[in-house]
Protein backbone atom coordinates (compact mmCIF):
# COMPACT_ATOMS: atom_id res chain seq x y z
CA MET A 1 6.28 -11.99 10.81
CA ARG A 2 8.85 -11.54 8.05
CA LEU A 3 7.65 -9.70 4.94
CA MET A 4 9.46 -9.17 1.65
CA ILE A 5 8.51 -5.89 -0.01
CA ALA A 6 9.15 -5.04 -3.64
CA SER A 7 8.04 -2.40 -6.09
CA ASP A 8 8.28 -1.41 -9.74
CA ILE A 9 8.99 -4.68 -11.55
CA HIS A 10 7.61 -3.04 -14.72
CA GLY A 11 7.26 -6.30 -16.66
CA SER A 12 10.93 -7.28 -16.47
CA ALA A 13 11.00 -11.09 -16.48
CA HIS A 14 14.76 -10.89 -15.91
CA TRP A 15 14.47 -8.86 -12.69
CA CYS A 16 11.31 -10.69 -11.60
CA ARG A 17 13.30 -13.95 -11.75
CA ALA A 18 16.05 -12.31 -9.67
CA LEU A 19 13.43 -11.18 -7.14
CA LEU A 20 11.92 -14.66 -6.93
CA ASP A 21 15.38 -16.14 -6.43
CA ARG A 22 15.78 -13.78 -3.46
CA TYR A 23 12.26 -14.75 -2.32
CA GLU A 24 13.33 -18.39 -2.22
CA SER A 25 16.45 -17.47 -0.23
CA GLU A 26 14.72 -15.06 2.17
CA ARG A 27 11.72 -17.35 2.83
CA PRO A 28 9.36 -14.55 3.95
CA ASP A 29 5.84 -15.15 5.23
CA LYS A 30 4.46 -12.97 2.40
CA LEU A 31 5.67 -10.99 -0.60
CA ILE A 32 4.11 -7.53 -0.75
CA LEU A 33 4.17 -5.93 -4.20
CA LEU A 34 3.79 -2.15 -4.22
CA GLY A 35 2.55 -1.86 -7.79
CA ASP A 36 3.80 -1.23 -11.31
CA ILE A 37 4.05 -4.95 -11.89
CA LEU A 38 3.62 -5.62 -15.61
CA TYR A 39 3.99 -2.42 -17.63
CA HIS A 40 6.72 0.16 -18.02
CA GLY A 41 4.53 3.21 -18.72
CA PRO A 42 5.07 5.86 -21.39
CA ARG A 43 7.77 7.79 -19.48
CA ASN A 44 10.06 4.83 -18.84
CA PRO A 45 12.33 2.93 -21.22
CA LEU A 46 11.80 -0.82 -21.62
CA PRO A 47 13.48 -2.60 -18.71
CA ASP A 48 15.91 -5.49 -19.21
CA GLY A 49 14.08 -8.66 -20.21
CA TYR A 50 10.73 -6.91 -20.75
CA ASP A 51 8.14 -9.70 -20.93
CA PRO A 52 4.93 -8.93 -19.02
CA ALA A 53 3.35 -12.30 -19.84
CA ARG A 54 6.34 -14.24 -18.46
CA THR A 55 6.47 -11.93 -15.43
CA ALA A 56 2.81 -12.74 -14.71
CA GLU A 57 3.44 -16.48 -15.11
CA MET A 58 6.30 -16.39 -12.60
CA LEU A 59 4.36 -14.38 -10.02
CA ASN A 60 1.29 -16.59 -10.40
CA LEU A 61 3.37 -19.56 -9.21
CA ILE A 62 3.45 -17.98 -5.72
CA LYS A 63 0.04 -16.26 -5.90
CA ASP A 64 -1.04 -17.51 -2.47
CA ASN A 65 1.89 -15.71 -0.85
CA ILE A 66 1.45 -12.32 -2.56
CA LEU A 67 -0.31 -9.22 -1.27
CA CYS A 68 -0.43 -6.39 -3.79
CA VAL A 69 -1.44 -2.77 -4.30
CA ARG A 70 -2.05 -0.99 -7.60
CA GLY A 71 0.58 1.27 -9.10
CA ASN A 72 0.12 4.12 -11.55
CA CYS A 73 1.13 1.83 -14.47
CA ASP A 74 -1.26 -0.97 -13.43
CA SER A 75 -4.78 -1.39 -14.79
CA GLU A 76 -7.81 -3.61 -14.36
CA VAL A 77 -6.75 -5.74 -17.33
CA ASP A 78 -3.74 -6.91 -15.28
CA GLY A 79 -6.24 -8.84 -13.16
CA MET A 80 -6.98 -10.96 -16.21
CA VAL A 81 -3.46 -12.45 -16.20
CA LEU A 82 -2.42 -12.09 -12.56
CA GLN A 83 -4.09 -14.61 -10.26
CA PHE A 84 -4.00 -12.42 -7.15
CA PRO A 85 -5.82 -9.12 -6.42
CA VAL A 86 -4.04 -6.13 -7.99
CA THR A 87 -6.47 -3.18 -7.83
CA ALA A 88 -6.40 -2.05 -4.17
CA ASP A 89 -4.92 1.41 -3.63
CA SER A 90 -3.57 0.48 -0.20
CA LEU A 91 -3.07 -2.31 2.28
CA LEU A 92 -2.84 -2.10 6.08
CA ILE A 93 -0.49 -4.32 8.08
CA LEU A 94 -0.25 -4.53 11.86
CA LEU A 95 3.34 -4.68 13.13
CA GLY A 96 3.16 -5.01 16.88
CA ASN A 97 1.74 -1.71 18.14
CA ARG A 98 2.25 0.06 14.79
CA THR A 99 0.15 0.19 11.67
CA ALA A 100 1.85 0.17 8.28
CA LEU A 101 0.06 1.58 5.24
CA CYS A 102 1.40 -0.02 2.07
CA THR A 103 0.71 1.87 -1.14
CA HIS A 104 2.42 2.52 -4.46
CA GLY A 105 3.24 6.15 -3.72
CA HIS A 106 1.47 8.03 -6.50
CA LEU A 107 -1.60 8.67 -4.34
CA PHE A 108 -0.08 8.81 -0.85
CA ASP A 109 3.41 9.97 0.16
CA PRO A 110 5.09 11.48 3.23
CA GLU A 111 3.43 14.85 2.51
CA ASN A 112 0.00 13.23 2.00
CA ALA A 113 -0.02 10.24 4.35
CA ALA A 114 -3.80 9.63 4.17
CA GLY A 115 -4.57 9.26 7.85
CA VAL A 116 -1.35 7.51 8.88
CA ARG A 117 -0.89 8.50 12.51
CA CYS A 118 2.24 9.80 14.16
CA GLY A 119 4.40 6.81 15.07
CA ASP A 120 3.04 4.62 12.30
CA ILE A 121 4.61 3.58 8.99
CA LEU A 122 4.05 4.49 5.34
CA ILE A 123 5.56 2.04 2.85
CA SER A 124 5.63 2.95 -0.83
CA GLY A 125 7.61 2.58 -4.03
CA HIS A 126 6.96 4.71 -7.12
CA THR A 127 10.08 6.90 -6.91
CA HIS A 128 12.47 4.04 -7.79
CA ILE A 129 14.74 5.36 -5.02
CA TYR A 130 15.15 3.32 -1.85
CA GLY A 131 15.10 4.91 1.56
CA ALA A 132 14.11 4.73 5.20
CA GLU A 133 13.54 7.85 7.28
CA GLU A 134 11.19 9.59 9.66
CA LYS A 135 9.22 12.54 8.28
CA ASN A 136 6.54 14.46 10.13
CA GLY A 137 6.44 11.77 12.86
CA ILE A 138 5.80 8.98 10.35
CA THR A 139 8.35 6.35 9.39
CA TYR A 140 8.65 6.35 5.60
CA LEU A 141 10.04 3.23 3.92
CA ASN A 142 10.73 2.69 0.22
CA PRO A 143 12.28 -0.57 -1.07
CA GLY A 144 13.40 1.07 -4.32
CA SER A 145 12.82 -0.55 -7.70
CA VAL A 146 13.23 -4.17 -8.74
CA SER A 147 13.91 -3.31 -12.40
CA MET A 148 14.57 0.39 -13.01
CA PRO A 149 16.30 2.16 -10.12
CA LYS A 150 16.94 5.89 -10.34
CA ASN A 151 19.49 8.37 -8.91
CA GLY A 152 22.37 5.89 -8.95
CA ASN A 153 20.50 3.26 -6.91
CA VAL A 154 20.74 -0.45 -7.72
CA GLN A 155 17.89 -2.93 -8.11
CA SER A 156 16.54 -3.56 -4.62
CA TYR A 157 13.82 -4.93 -2.36
CA GLY A 158 13.02 -4.76 1.36
CA ILE A 159 12.60 -7.10 4.31
CA LEU A 160 10.24 -5.89 7.04
CA THR A 161 9.78 -7.29 10.53
CA GLU A 162 8.30 -5.81 13.67
CA ASN A 163 11.81 -4.64 14.67
CA PHE A 164 13.53 -3.52 11.47
CA PHE A 165 13.39 -2.75 7.75
CA GLU A 166 16.32 -3.74 5.56
CA ILE A 167 16.86 -2.72 1.95
CA LEU A 168 18.87 -5.27 0.02
CA ASP A 169 20.36 -5.56 -3.45
CA MET A 170 19.55 -8.53 -5.68
CA GLN A 171 22.49 -10.49 -4.31
CA GLY A 172 21.14 -10.11 -0.77
CA GLY A 173 23.65 -7.44 0.28
CA ILE A 174 22.30 -4.95 2.82
CA LEU A 175 22.10 -1.41 1.42
CA CYS A 176 20.28 0.18 4.37
CA LYS A 177 18.94 -0.92 7.74
CA TYR A 178 16.35 0.96 9.75
CA SER A 179 15.51 -0.19 13.30
CA PHE A 180 12.20 0.62 14.94
CA VAL A 181 12.62 1.99 18.43
């Protein structure tokens, strides 16, 4: 299984289009969105091309291929314009003999992994900083932010398989590769 993982679009139609262009190139089995899809929140500036309605329209075109969790900027009203479920706090994925917990990151993080067992995977966004590392026996993966990266990062997304996690920029260049042993 090949999964594309993205977080923190924050209503940017410009960066959503870039993500969907990469989606078409990558041809994953599913696109997993880790929340903060339509709104930028009160602490963030408006992202480039801010247009939540257009962002929703674009994502709805591939609704059958999206799995999604709720971010801290998402609300129940988003379900009125998005045609896929958006209110779950987490999602479990089986990757061979590992379990991956996908969440936004505001409720669960490497210090509060909510029952993720040693050897398993926690995948979250929220920080807008990409990364892949092992902490406390858990593999922690973050694809970064589609629209508003922080700490000098660039806009990014991830590709996850049973064997590896890659973080890529919006041109498909590999920023980081983590192999599962």
